[in-house]
């Protein structure tokens, strides 16, 4: 499994974070976040994209399916309680 790196940018962007499969790199745009918890959620979100790609699960999902799965994974602890 390839390692993934996370870079932080202080420039404004329409995105909160992005994952680049070709370089296994995540970028988190800090001005788009209000709290540290929010930053951590974005890091986790982008790392999930990396994991799905490494496990070749992304090939069996379209973008909407992948985003929905990540949303459910990130909010699972609140949904279960």
Protein backbone atom coordinates (compact mmCIF):
# COMPACT_ATOMS: atom_id res chain seq x y z
CA UNK A 1 0.00 0.00 0.00
CA UNK A 2 1.35 3.44 -0.94
CA UNK A 3 1.80 6.09 1.70
CA UNK A 4 -0.33 9.19 1.58
CA UNK A 5 0.87 12.68 2.44
CA UNK A 6 -1.22 15.55 3.75
CA UNK A 7 -0.36 19.17 2.91
CA UNK A 8 -2.00 22.25 4.37
CA UNK A 9 -2.66 25.42 2.41
CA UNK A 10 -3.63 28.81 3.79
CA UNK A 11 -5.05 30.10 0.52
CA UNK A 12 -8.80 30.32 0.03
CA UNK A 13 -10.29 27.69 -2.22
CA UNK A 14 -13.81 26.53 -3.05
CA UNK A 15 -12.84 23.11 -1.67
CA UNK A 16 -12.19 22.17 1.93
CA UNK A 17 -9.82 19.42 0.84
CA UNK A 18 -8.74 17.43 -2.18
CA UNK A 19 -7.14 14.05 -2.82
CA UNK A 20 -4.84 13.51 -5.79
CA UNK A 21 -4.65 9.84 -6.72
CA UNK A 22 -1.68 10.28 -9.08
CA UNK A 23 0.57 11.55 -6.26
CA UNK A 24 -1.16 10.02 -3.21
CA UNK A 25 -1.43 13.49 -1.72
CA UNK A 26 -4.16 15.25 0.21
CA UNK A 27 -4.45 19.01 0.47
CA UNK A 28 -6.45 20.65 3.26
CA UNK A 29 -7.40 24.31 2.80
CA UNK A 30 -7.33 25.70 6.33
CA UNK A 31 -9.31 28.95 5.75
CA UNK A 32 -12.35 26.82 4.85
CA UNK A 33 -12.53 25.39 8.41
CA UNK A 34 -13.80 26.88 11.65
CA UNK A 35 -12.53 24.40 14.24
CA UNK A 36 -9.75 21.86 14.71
CA UNK A 37 -12.38 19.09 14.75
CA UNK A 38 -13.49 20.29 11.32
CA UNK A 39 -9.89 20.11 10.02
CA UNK A 40 -9.54 16.56 11.37
CA UNK A 41 -12.80 15.51 9.66
CA UNK A 42 -11.48 16.84 6.35
CA UNK A 43 -8.17 15.00 6.80
CA UNK A 44 -10.07 11.78 7.52
CA UNK A 45 -12.33 12.38 4.52
CA UNK A 46 -9.40 12.72 2.14
CA UNK A 47 -7.60 9.74 3.68
CA UNK A 48 -10.72 7.62 3.08
CA UNK A 49 -10.45 8.53 -0.62
CA UNK A 50 -6.84 7.31 -0.56
CA UNK A 51 -7.77 4.06 1.20
CA UNK A 52 -10.55 3.28 -1.27
CA UNK A 53 -8.17 3.88 -4.16
CA UNK A 54 -5.49 1.64 -2.65
CA UNK A 55 -8.02 -1.13 -2.04
CA UNK A 56 -9.36 -0.65 -5.57
CA UNK A 57 -12.82 -0.07 -4.12
CA UNK A 58 -13.06 3.25 -5.96
CA UNK A 59 -13.37 1.34 -9.24
CA UNK A 60 -16.69 -0.15 -8.12
CA UNK A 61 -18.13 3.19 -6.93
CA UNK A 62 -18.95 6.44 -8.67
CA UNK A 63 -18.10 9.75 -7.01
CA UNK A 64 -21.52 10.15 -5.38
CA UNK A 65 -21.41 6.63 -3.90
CA UNK A 66 -17.92 7.21 -2.52
CA UNK A 67 -18.90 10.54 -0.95
CA UNK A 68 -22.01 8.98 0.60
CA UNK A 69 -19.97 6.12 2.08
CA UNK A 70 -17.41 8.54 3.55
CA UNK A 71 -20.21 10.65 5.05
CA UNK A 72 -21.74 7.56 6.68
CA UNK A 73 -18.35 6.41 8.01
CA UNK A 74 -17.62 9.79 9.54
CA UNK A 75 -21.02 10.16 11.20
CA UNK A 76 -21.47 6.49 12.21
CA UNK A 77 -20.74 7.08 15.90
CA UNK A 78 -23.51 9.70 16.09
CA UNK A 79 -25.96 7.55 14.14
CA UNK A 80 -25.42 4.49 16.33
CA UNK A 81 -25.83 6.27 19.66
